Amino acid sequence: MEPVRVLVADDKENMRKLFAKILADGYDVETAQDGASALALVASRAYDVVVTDIRMPGADGFELLAAVKARAPTTEVVMVTGYATVADAVRAMKQGAFDYLEKPFDPDAALAVVARAAEHKRLVDAARLAAAPGDPDAFHNLVGRSPRMREVYALLDKAAHVDATVLVLGETGTGKELAARAIHYHSGRRERRFMPVNCGALPGELIESELFGHARGAFTGAAVAKPGLFEEARGGTVFLDEVGELPLSAQVKLNRALQEKEIRRVGESTPVKIDVRIVAATHRDLREEVRAGRFREDLFYRLNVIAVTLPPLRDRAEDVPLLAAHFLDKHARALRRELRGFEPEVLVRLAGYAWPGNVRELENTIERAVAVAGGERIGLADLPPEVAAPPAGAAPAEALAALPYRDAVAGARDRVTREYLVALLTEFEGNVTRAAERAGLERESLHRLLRKHGLRSEDFKPA
């Protein structure tokens, strides 16, 4: 069985050494001396459990918790502090922490907490994998029932069952890493590691060390020898996100690794055999990059064995309601909010918006709405202004067609109601009493309608 991969983030060296000792048997431990270093590691590598101090320079434990959950929701986070308060504990658990340790702690108790966290992650991952094949509207963590996405699911399933290199293409925010994870967890390598690295997040001088490892003394600061991701993956999958950002020198070494199935650590001449599957991704047009001389043609063809193109969200608007419901459930659980769904007009606006940031922007929008919602349903007032703004004229036909009949009709009714309320308040210059009399409504009923539609009477009063 693979060792559990743990990141320990603490600005106290004695605490980092203590956890390394506690987790010496069966755990693969990396450490970070401050929040900024931990954030950089989380952005480029995968962990089963993150153990973090709450108070650290660079970024605190809550910032790290948020970053971990945004990137890898099933990675468990254990918070550690010497300044424990009930408020800290409640806040940590509400934001998704698995458990909470107060300094000083018993080493056996700390080991037990990390072991429970690792086992919980394993069970959640196994449950997701088992559930995915039976869900016609999803593939692993990808969600959508549109014809475009069903084609993607079929190709991902085929790619998973052959040990070929895969190139995932698509705009930023379309879910390229989710597609790569789906390939890995449906493949014969699923019991081994999935090792992601963002090729654009590391300086050129460090990316080769990250991928291929380095010998002791290979460069300034290389005090000890270090294996790279290709060695650490050991029979698993290496995911090269934003592969188009690789410098040409690293492209040469990557091409050789793909061709010869071996690598050389920086500063060493002895080759090391590797057994990994490569999945790469980019938002760039690599053919154009080849023509411009920024990407090697031979490497492009080695990566482009199976190409999977993820459609932008604007080209699958019929998936927006399903995705919105998925993200509502996810973030309502994470934030401990009891919400019953969306007001119909919200679904019309979501389906009609262009989503330049694709699925990632939609998820961020729903997470924000869940956090700020004042009622039991997400309303227009809970959306960012650019999403909540009504379209010019009637709702686009494709936006309405993306909705079930009842939601489309209810959305049209809500839109007309809002337009009526705007006209009414404009006529009476924000005077709710007179507006209610004209409308034949009780004042409180009119106030409820205004809240529902994100309107404030004071905005209509004369300056």
Foldseek 3Di string as FASTA:
>chain_A
DQAFEEEEEELDPVVLVLVCVLRVPRYHYDYHNFDVRLLLCLQFWDGQEYEYEQDGPPHGPVVSLLSNCLVPVLRAYEYEYQPDDPVVQVVCVLQGHPYYYYPPDDSVVVSVSVVVSSVSSVVVQVVLLVCQVVDCQHQRPRGGNDPLVSVLNVLLLVLLADLAFEEEEEAAQLCLVVSVLSSQCNHPLNVFDETGGEQQSDDQVCPLCQAAWAQDPLDPPSNHTDGHPQARRASGAYEYEAVLNHAPVVLVQVLCCLVVQWHAHRPGDDIDHGHYRYYYYHHDDVVVCVVVVRHPPSSVVRNVPDYRYRYFCQVRLLRQQVLLVVLLVVLCVSNVHQADEAQLLLLLLRSQDNPPNGSSVSSVQSNQQRVPPPDRHRALLSGPCVSSPDDPDDRDPRSLVSDDPVSSVSSVVLVVVVVVLVVLLLVVQLPLVVSCVVVVHDSVVNVVSCVRHVHHSPVRHDD
